[in-house]
Amino acid sequence: MATHLHLAADEGVMADMSCEQAPIRVVVAEGHLMLRRSVRTLLDVEEDLHVVADTGELATIAQEAQALRADVLVLDPGLTDGSSIEMIGLLNERAPAAQIVVLSSEESPVFAQRAFAAGAIGLVMKDLLDAELPQAVRAAARGQEYVSPGVAARLDELHRVLTDNRLTPREAEVLRLIALGHTSVEIARKLSLSPRTVETHRAHIHSKLGLASRAELVRYALRRGLLGC
């Protein structure tokens, strides 16, 4: 499959600018063409931001981010070539100079925690791009974390859940999937675990939270804001 990578036309002009004046160099990796174009337009109208490339595939994005000296990589972790959130860690290894801002349609704090654990520095909800993405890119270029406020509040609650009940991040993830109605077999498939391991996690969750039924787990997850709704 050919990689559709669009480069900026004014690279020569950018090279003549001093480091102090040069805008933040951004690579956009987003699988949906219209959204990718919108993100590029949104960032390029900002005087201090410059999209040096955009792509709908992940095959060569790390190499391009390095070659184009990107400061920030704006990433959809579900690109059309089958990539997933685990690719964040791989991109961190292959293009360590580029800070990663994730675009997400999930308000799940578990998803956000996984993204940050994998090496992302920012997370912006796709329905808040106009209001938040330029700010998130600037923060990332300074090495500062940025999280959409609604997700940040849920992350704080998730951290309390993990601390207060001594749940592990994996148990919190299993809890969320249970509350969303997935069976142990489905959870095992999603998390690349054996069904028996998932059942062990379920037993630990019930024990640590002091809850006996799935219905109680669903209510708990809803009250704690773990479902992103």
C-alpha atoms as a PDB file:
ATOM      1  CA  MET A   1       0.000   0.000   0.000  1.00  0.00           C
ATOM      2  CA  ALA A   2       1.370   3.395  -0.959  1.00  0.00           C
ATOM      3  CA  THR A   3       1.955   5.863   1.833  1.00  0.00           C
ATOM      4  CA  HIS A   4       0.087   9.113   1.210  1.00  0.00           C
ATOM      5  CA  LEU A   5       2.455  11.593   2.796  1.00  0.00           C
ATOM      6  CA  HIS A   6       2.020  15.276   1.982  1.00  0.00           C
ATOM      7  CA  LEU A   7       5.011  17.542   2.569  1.00  0.00           C
ATOM      8  CA  ALA A   8       4.956  21.270   3.098  1.00  0.00           C
ATOM      9  CA  ALA A   9       5.966  23.332   0.067  1.00  0.00           C
ATOM     10  CA  ASP A  10       8.042  25.915   1.913  1.00  0.00           C
ATOM     11  CA  GLU A  11      10.728  23.792   3.574  1.00  0.00           C
ATOM     12  CA  GLY A  12      13.450  26.042   2.137  1.00  0.00           C
ATOM     13  CA  VAL A  13      11.882  29.110   3.707  1.00  0.00           C
ATOM     14  CA  MET A  14      11.596  27.348   7.056  1.00  0.00           C
ATOM     15  CA  ALA A  15      15.267  26.378   6.980  1.00  0.00           C
ATOM     16  CA  ASP A  16      16.269  30.041   6.733  1.00  0.00           C
ATOM     17  CA  MET A  17      14.472  30.988   9.946  1.00  0.00           C
ATOM     18  CA  SER A  18      16.358  31.144  13.222  1.00  0.00           C
ATOM     19  CA  CYS A  19      15.676  28.572  15.929  1.00  0.00           C
ATOM     20  CA  GLU A  20      14.124  31.291  18.043  1.00  0.00           C
ATOM     21  CA  GLN A  21      11.650  32.351  15.365  1.00  0.00           C
ATOM     22  CA  ALA A  22      10.937  28.953  13.816  1.00  0.00           C
ATOM     23  CA  PRO A  23       7.423  27.658  14.414  1.00  0.00           C
ATOM     24  CA  ILE A  24       6.717  24.309  16.030  1.00  0.00           C
ATOM     25  CA  ARG A  25       7.093  21.584  13.406  1.00  0.00           C
ATOM     26  CA  VAL A  26       4.173  19.145  13.384  1.00  0.00           C
ATOM     27  CA  VAL A  27       3.476  15.837  11.630  1.00  0.00           C
ATOM     28  CA  VAL A  28      -0.187  14.756  11.503  1.00  0.00           C
ATOM     29  CA  ALA A  29      -0.989  11.024  11.352  1.00  0.00           C
ATOM     30  CA  GLU A  30      -4.758  10.585  11.019  1.00  0.00           C
ATOM     31  CA  GLY A  31      -6.597   7.868   9.120  1.00  0.00           C
ATOM     32  CA  HIS A  32      -9.653   9.846   8.042  1.00  0.00           C
ATOM     33  CA  LEU A  33      -8.862  12.104   5.092  1.00  0.00           C
ATOM     34  CA  MET A  34     -11.326  14.891   5.893  1.00  0.00           C
ATOM     35  CA  LEU A  35     -10.318  15.027   9.535  1.00  0.00           C
ATOM     36  CA  ARG A  36      -6.636  14.967   8.561  1.00  0.00           C
ATOM     37  CA  ARG A  37      -7.162  17.919   6.255  1.00  0.00           C
ATOM     38  CA  SER A  38      -9.103  19.756   8.960  1.00  0.00           C
ATOM     39  CA  VAL A  39      -6.347  19.177  11.511  1.00  0.00           C
ATOM     40  CA  ARG A  40      -3.721  20.405   9.064  1.00  0.00           C
ATOM     41  CA  THR A  41      -5.720  23.560   8.297  1.00  0.00           C
ATOM     42  CA  LEU A  42      -6.440  24.167  11.978  1.00  0.00           C
ATOM     43  CA  LEU A  43      -2.746  24.061  12.868  1.00  0.00           C
ATOM     44  CA  ASP A  44      -1.339  25.824   9.817  1.00  0.00           C
ATOM     45  CA  VAL A  45      -3.381  28.983  10.400  1.00  0.00           C
ATOM     46  CA  GLU A  46      -1.509  29.438  13.686  1.00  0.00           C
ATOM     47  CA  GLU A  47       1.609  31.553  13.143  1.00  0.00           C
ATOM     48  CA  ASP A  48       3.702  29.550  15.596  1.00  0.00           C
ATOM     49  CA  LEU A  49       2.693  26.117  14.246  1.00  0.00           C
ATOM     50  CA  HIS A  50       3.716  24.508  10.947  1.00  0.00           C
ATOM     51  CA  VAL A  51       2.542  21.113   9.638  1.00  0.00           C
ATOM     52  CA  VAL A  52       5.527  19.685   7.769  1.00  0.00           C
ATOM     53  CA  ALA A  53       3.752  16.466   6.725  1.00  0.00           C
ATOM     54  CA  ASP A  54       0.503  14.538   7.054  1.00  0.00           C
ATOM     55  CA  THR A  55      -0.296  10.893   6.434  1.00  0.00           C
ATOM     56  CA  GLY A  56      -3.093   8.353   6.731  1.00  0.00           C
ATOM     57  CA  GLU A  57      -0.772   5.419   7.339  1.00  0.00           C
ATOM     58  CA  LEU A  58       1.826   4.567   9.949  1.00  0.00           C
ATOM     59  CA  ALA A  59       4.345   2.534   7.958  1.00  0.00           C
ATOM     60  CA  THR A  60       6.881   5.334   7.466  1.00  0.00           C
ATOM     61  CA  ILE A  61       5.692   8.032   9.866  1.00  0.00           C
ATOM     62  CA  ALA A  62       8.506   7.609  12.409  1.00  0.00           C
ATOM     63  CA  GLN A  63      11.136   7.843   9.683  1.00  0.00           C
ATOM     64  CA  GLU A  64       9.479  10.955   8.236  1.00  0.00           C
ATOM     65  CA  ALA A  65       9.105  12.558  11.678  1.00  0.00           C
ATOM     66  CA  GLN A  66      12.851  12.181  12.179  1.00  0.00           C
ATOM     67  CA  ALA A  67      13.804  13.277   8.660  1.00  0.00           C
ATOM     68  CA  LEU A  68      11.596  16.380   8.893  1.00  0.00           C
ATOM     69  CA  ARG A  69      12.755  17.195  12.438  1.00  0.00           C
ATOM     70  CA  ALA A  70       9.227  17.170  13.825  1.00  0.00           C
ATOM     71  CA  ASP A  71       8.731  18.623  17.288  1.00  0.00           C
ATOM     72  CA  VAL A  72       5.257  17.133  17.730  1.00  0.00           C
ATOM     73  CA  LEU A  73       3.456  14.158  16.214  1.00  0.00           C
ATOM     74  CA  VAL A  74      -0.342  14.423  16.265  1.00  0.00           C
ATOM     75  CA  LEU A  75      -1.491  10.797  16.185  1.00  0.00           C
ATOM     76  CA  ASP A  76      -4.715   8.884  15.706  1.00  0.00           C
ATOM     77  CA  PRO A  77      -3.844   5.533  17.377  1.00  0.00           C
ATOM     78  CA  GLY A  78      -6.385   3.712  15.166  1.00  0.00           C
ATOM     79  CA  LEU A  79      -4.975   4.428  11.705  1.00  0.00           C
ATOM     80  CA  THR A  80      -6.303   2.587   8.674  1.00  0.00           C
ATOM     81  CA  ASP A  81      -3.262   0.319   8.353  1.00  0.00           C
ATOM     82  CA  GLY A  82      -4.207  -1.540  11.525  1.00  0.00           C
ATOM     83  CA  SER A  83      -2.069   0.238  14.075  1.00  0.00           C
ATOM     84  CA  SER A  84      -3.074   0.507  17.722  1.00  0.00           C
ATOM     85  CA  ILE A  85      -2.156   2.361  20.882  1.00  0.00           C
ATOM     86  CA  GLU A  86       0.875   0.092  21.302  1.00  0.00           C
ATOM     87  CA  MET A  87       2.399   1.903  18.327  1.00  0.00           C
ATOM     88  CA  ILE A  88       2.933   4.946  20.559  1.00  0.00           C
ATOM     89  CA  GLY A  89       5.787   3.163  22.300  1.00  0.00           C
ATOM     90  CA  LEU A  90       7.297   2.128  18.985  1.00  0.00           C
ATOM     91  CA  LEU A  91       7.099   5.700  17.666  1.00  0.00           C
ATOM     92  CA  ASN A  92       8.756   6.949  20.842  1.00  0.00           C
ATOM     93  CA  GLU A  93      11.664   4.609  20.203  1.00  0.00           C
ATOM     94  CA  ARG A  94      11.986   5.389  16.492  1.00  0.00           C
ATOM     95  CA  ALA A  95      11.388   9.153  16.642  1.00  0.00           C
ATOM     96  CA  PRO A  96      12.341  10.112  20.203  1.00  0.00           C
ATOM     97  CA  ALA A  97      12.588  13.858  19.470  1.00  0.00           C
ATOM     98  CA  ALA A  98       8.908  14.127  18.514  1.00  0.00           C
ATOM     99  CA  GLN A  99       6.424  14.521  21.363  1.00  0.00           C
ATOM    100  CA  ILE A 100       3.169  12.625  20.763  1.00  0.00           C
ATOM    101  CA  VAL A 101      -0.316  14.125  21.094  1.00  0.00           C
ATOM    102  CA  VAL A 102      -3.081  11.547  20.722  1.00  0.00           C
ATOM    103  CA  LEU A 103      -6.410  12.317  19.068  1.00  0.00           C
ATOM    104  CA  SER A 104      -9.146  10.302  20.725  1.00  0.00           C
ATOM    105  CA  SER A 105     -12.852   9.672  20.383  1.00  0.00           C
ATOM    106  CA  GLU A 106     -12.834   7.813  23.723  1.00  0.00           C
ATOM    107  CA  GLU A 107     -13.303   9.634  27.016  1.00  0.00           C
ATOM    108  CA  SER A 108     -12.212   6.528  28.895  1.00  0.00           C
ATOM    109  CA  PRO A 109      -9.595   7.282  31.551  1.00  0.00           C
ATOM    110  CA  VAL A 110      -8.228   3.756  31.085  1.00  0.00           C
ATOM    111  CA  PHE A 111      -7.565   4.535  27.422  1.00  0.00           C
ATOM    112  CA  ALA A 112      -5.905   7.823  28.402  1.00  0.00           C
ATOM    113  CA  GLN A 113      -3.762   6.116  31.021  1.00  0.00           C
ATOM    114  CA  ARG A 114      -2.633   3.513  28.476  1.00  0.00           C
ATOM    115  CA  ALA A 115      -1.733   6.256  26.005  1.00  0.00           C
ATOM    116  CA  PHE A 116       0.360   8.154  28.554  1.00  0.00           C
ATOM    117  CA  ALA A 117       1.974   4.956  29.823  1.00  0.00           C
ATOM    118  CA  ALA A 118       2.940   4.143  26.237  1.00  0.00           C
ATOM    119  CA  GLY A 119       4.677   7.509  25.890  1.00  0.00           C
ATOM    120  CA  ALA A 120       2.129  10.100  24.772  1.00  0.00           C
ATOM    121  CA  ILE A 121       2.397  13.579  26.314  1.00  0.00           C
ATOM    122  CA  GLY A 122      -1.007  14.892  25.253  1.00  0.00           C
ATOM    123  CA  LEU A 123      -4.543  13.667  24.614  1.00  0.00           C
ATOM    124  CA  VAL A 124      -7.255  15.714  22.912  1.00  0.00           C
ATOM    125  CA  MET A 125     -10.829  14.652  22.226  1.00  0.00           C
ATOM    126  CA  LYS A 126     -11.660  14.795  18.527  1.00  0.00           C
ATOM    127  CA  ASP A 127     -14.807  16.820  19.154  1.00  0.00           C
ATOM    128  CA  LEU A 128     -12.706  19.489  20.919  1.00  0.00           C
ATOM    129  CA  LEU A 129      -9.953  19.892  18.319  1.00  0.00           C
ATOM    130  CA  ASP A 130     -10.751  23.511  17.415  1.00  0.00           C
ATOM    131  CA  ALA A 131     -10.635  24.626  21.031  1.00  0.00           C
ATOM    132  CA  GLU A 132      -7.797  22.478  22.337  1.00  0.00           C
ATOM    133  CA  LEU A 133      -5.412  21.061  19.738  1.00  0.00           C
ATOM    134  CA  PRO A 134      -3.210  24.153  19.133  1.00  0.00           C
ATOM    135  CA  GLN A 135      -2.843  24.583  22.889  1.00  0.00           C
ATOM    136  CA  ALA A 136      -1.996  20.884  23.306  1.00  0.00           C
ATOM    137  CA  VAL A 137       0.640  21.028  20.551  1.00  0.00           C
ATOM    138  CA  ARG A 138       2.289  24.067  22.133  1.00  0.00           C
ATOM    139  CA  ALA A 139       2.323  22.363  25.540  1.00  0.00           C
ATOM    140  CA  ALA A 140       3.808  19.191  24.027  1.00  0.00           C
ATOM    141  CA  ALA A 141       6.571  21.174  22.303  1.00  0.00           C
ATOM    142  CA  ARG A 142       7.494  22.566  25.744  1.00  0.00           C
ATOM    143  CA  GLY A 143       7.532  19.057  27.196  1.00  0.00           C
ATOM    144  CA  GLN A 144       4.332  19.636  29.202  1.00  0.00           C
ATOM    145  CA  GLU A 145       1.420  17.200  29.456  1.00  0.00           C
ATOM    146  CA  TYR A 146      -2.002  18.180  28.147  1.00  0.00           C
ATOM    147  CA  VAL A 147      -5.269  16.293  28.662  1.00  0.00           C
ATOM    148  CA  SER A 148      -8.772  17.382  27.642  1.00  0.00           C
ATOM    149  CA  PRO A 149     -10.402  18.579  30.907  1.00  0.00           C
ATOM    150  CA  GLY A 150     -13.201  15.986  30.946  1.00  0.00           C
ATOM    151  CA  VAL A 151     -10.716  13.155  30.549  1.00  0.00           C
ATOM    152  CA  ALA A 152      -8.374  14.714  33.116  1.00  0.00           C
ATOM    153  CA  ALA A 153     -11.129  14.627  35.745  1.00  0.00           C
ATOM    154  CA  ARG A 154     -11.777  10.949  35.010  1.00  0.00           C
ATOM    155  CA  LEU A 155      -8.056  10.206  35.153  1.00  0.00           C
ATOM    156  CA  ASP A 156      -7.919  11.711  38.631  1.00  0.00           C
ATOM    157  CA  GLU A 157     -10.828   9.486  39.662  1.00  0.00           C
ATOM    158  CA  LEU A 158      -9.171   6.436  38.120  1.00  0.00           C
ATOM    159  CA  HIS A 159      -5.988   7.126  40.073  1.00  0.00           C
ATOM    160  CA  ARG A 160      -8.076   7.278  43.267  1.00  0.00           C
ATOM    161  CA  VAL A 161      -9.717   3.975  42.360  1.00  0.00           C
ATOM    162  CA  LEU A 162      -6.331   2.361  41.781  1.00  0.00           C
ATOM    163  CA  THR A 163      -4.918   3.777  45.012  1.00  0.00           C
ATOM    164  CA  ASP A 164      -7.911   3.364  47.320  1.00  0.00           C
ATOM    165  CA  ASN A 165      -8.751  -0.178  46.238  1.00  0.00           C
ATOM    166  CA  ARG A 166      -5.262  -1.313  45.228  1.00  0.00           C
ATOM    167  CA  LEU A 167      -6.482  -2.265  41.749  1.00  0.00           C
ATOM    168  CA  THR A 168      -3.779  -2.685  39.153  1.00  0.00           C
ATOM    169  CA  PRO A 169      -4.109  -0.811  35.835  1.00  0.00           C
ATOM    170  CA  ARG A 170      -4.893  -4.159  34.157  1.00  0.00           C
ATOM    171  CA  GLU A 171      -7.649  -4.854  36.693  1.00  0.00           C
ATOM    172  CA  ALA A 172      -9.101  -1.393  36.060  1.00  0.00           C
ATOM    173  CA  GLU A 173      -9.112  -2.139  32.339  1.00  0.00           C
ATOM    174  CA  VAL A 174     -10.844  -5.476  32.917  1.00  0.00           C
ATOM    175  CA  LEU A 175     -13.356  -3.745  35.210  1.00  0.00           C
ATOM    176  CA  ARG A 176     -14.204  -1.230  32.489  1.00  0.00           C
ATOM    177  CA  LEU A 177     -14.718  -3.951  29.874  1.00  0.00           C
ATOM    178  CA  ILE A 178     -16.890  -5.984  32.259  1.00  0.00           C
ATOM    179  CA  ALA A 179     -19.029  -2.899  32.892  1.00  0.00           C
ATOM    180  CA  LEU A 180     -19.356  -2.385  29.124  1.00  0.00           C
ATOM    181  CA  GLY A 181     -20.865  -5.862  28.851  1.00  0.00           C
ATOM    182  CA  HIS A 182     -17.979  -7.906  27.457  1.00  0.00           C
ATOM    183  CA  THR A 183     -17.633 -11.573  28.360  1.00  0.00           C
ATOM    184  CA  SER A 184     -14.423 -13.041  29.740  1.00  0.00           C
ATOM    185  CA  VAL A 185     -13.660 -14.582  26.340  1.00  0.00           C
ATOM    186  CA  GLU A 186     -14.140 -11.211  24.611  1.00  0.00           C
ATOM    187  CA  ILE A 187     -11.993  -9.432  27.198  1.00  0.00           C
ATOM    188  CA  ALA A 188      -9.282 -12.056  26.801  1.00  0.00           C
ATOM    189  CA  ARG A 189      -9.287 -11.481  23.041  1.00  0.00           C
ATOM    190  CA  LYS A 190      -9.150  -7.698  23.392  1.00  0.00           C
ATOM    191  CA  LEU A 191      -6.316  -7.739  25.928  1.00  0.00           C
ATOM    192  CA  SER A 192      -4.390 -10.707  24.489  1.00  0.00           C
ATOM    193  CA  LEU A 193      -4.887 -12.709  27.681  1.00  0.00           C
ATOM    194  CA  SER A 194      -6.196 -16.194  28.383  1.00  0.00           C
ATOM    195  CA  PRO A 195      -9.819 -16.457  29.596  1.00  0.00           C
ATOM    196  CA  ARG A 196      -8.490 -18.045  32.788  1.00  0.00           C
ATOM    197  CA  THR A 197      -6.299 -14.997  33.465  1.00  0.00           C
ATOM    198  CA  VAL A 198      -9.304 -12.727  32.923  1.00  0.00           C
ATOM    199  CA  GLU A 199     -11.306 -14.800  35.411  1.00  0.00           C
ATOM    200  CA  THR A 200      -8.479 -14.364  37.933  1.00  0.00           C
ATOM    201  CA  HIS A 201      -8.594 -10.604  37.405  1.00  0.00           C
ATOM    202  CA  ARG A 202     -12.384 -10.657  37.868  1.00  0.00           C
ATOM    203  CA  ALA A 203     -12.024 -12.505  41.162  1.00  0.00           C
ATOM    204  CA  HIS A 204      -9.446  -9.970  42.403  1.00  0.00           C
ATOM    205  CA  ILE A 205     -11.689  -7.054  41.358  1.00  0.00           C
ATOM    206  CA  HIS A 206     -14.716  -8.462  43.197  1.00  0.00           C
ATOM    207  CA  SER A 207     -12.583  -9.114  46.278  1.00  0.00           C
ATOM    208  CA  LYS A 208     -10.843  -5.732  46.352  1.00  0.00           C
ATOM    209  CA  LEU A 209     -14.017  -3.717  45.727  1.00  0.00           C
ATOM    210  CA  GLY A 210     -16.186  -5.868  47.968  1.00  0.00           C
ATOM    211  CA  LEU A 211     -18.782  -6.239  45.208  1.00  0.00           C
ATOM    212  CA  ALA A 212     -20.504  -9.531  44.469  1.00  0.00           C
ATOM    213  CA  SER A 213     -22.301  -9.107  41.138  1.00  0.00           C
ATOM    214  CA  ARG A 214     -21.651  -7.719  37.687  1.00  0.00           C
ATOM    215  CA  ALA A 215     -24.499  -5.245  38.191  1.00  0.00           C
ATOM    216  CA  GLU A 216     -22.664  -3.821  41.207  1.00  0.00           C
ATOM    217  CA  LEU A 217     -19.485  -3.514  39.138  1.00  0.00           C
ATOM    218  CA  VAL A 218     -21.420  -1.635  36.429  1.00  0.00           C
ATOM    219  CA  ARG A 219     -22.861   0.802  38.974  1.00  0.00           C
ATOM    220  CA  TYR A 220     -19.434   1.287  40.530  1.00  0.00           C
ATOM    221  CA  ALA A 221     -17.809   2.008  37.164  1.00  0.00           C
ATOM    222  CA  LEU A 222     -20.577   4.447  36.232  1.00  0.00           C
ATOM    223  CA  ARG A 223     -20.329   6.329  39.540  1.00  0.00           C
ATOM    224  CA  ARG A 224     -16.561   6.565  39.170  1.00  0.00           C
ATOM    225  CA  GLY A 225     -16.766   7.839  35.594  1.00  0.00           C
ATOM    226  CA  LEU A 226     -14.730   4.943  34.205  1.00  0.00           C
ATOM    227  CA  LEU A 227     -16.921   4.369  31.170  1.00  0.00           C
ATOM    228  CA  GLY A 228     -16.418   7.717  29.474  1.00  0.00           C
ATOM    229  CA  CYS A 229     -20.084   8.629  29.550  1.00  0.00           C
END
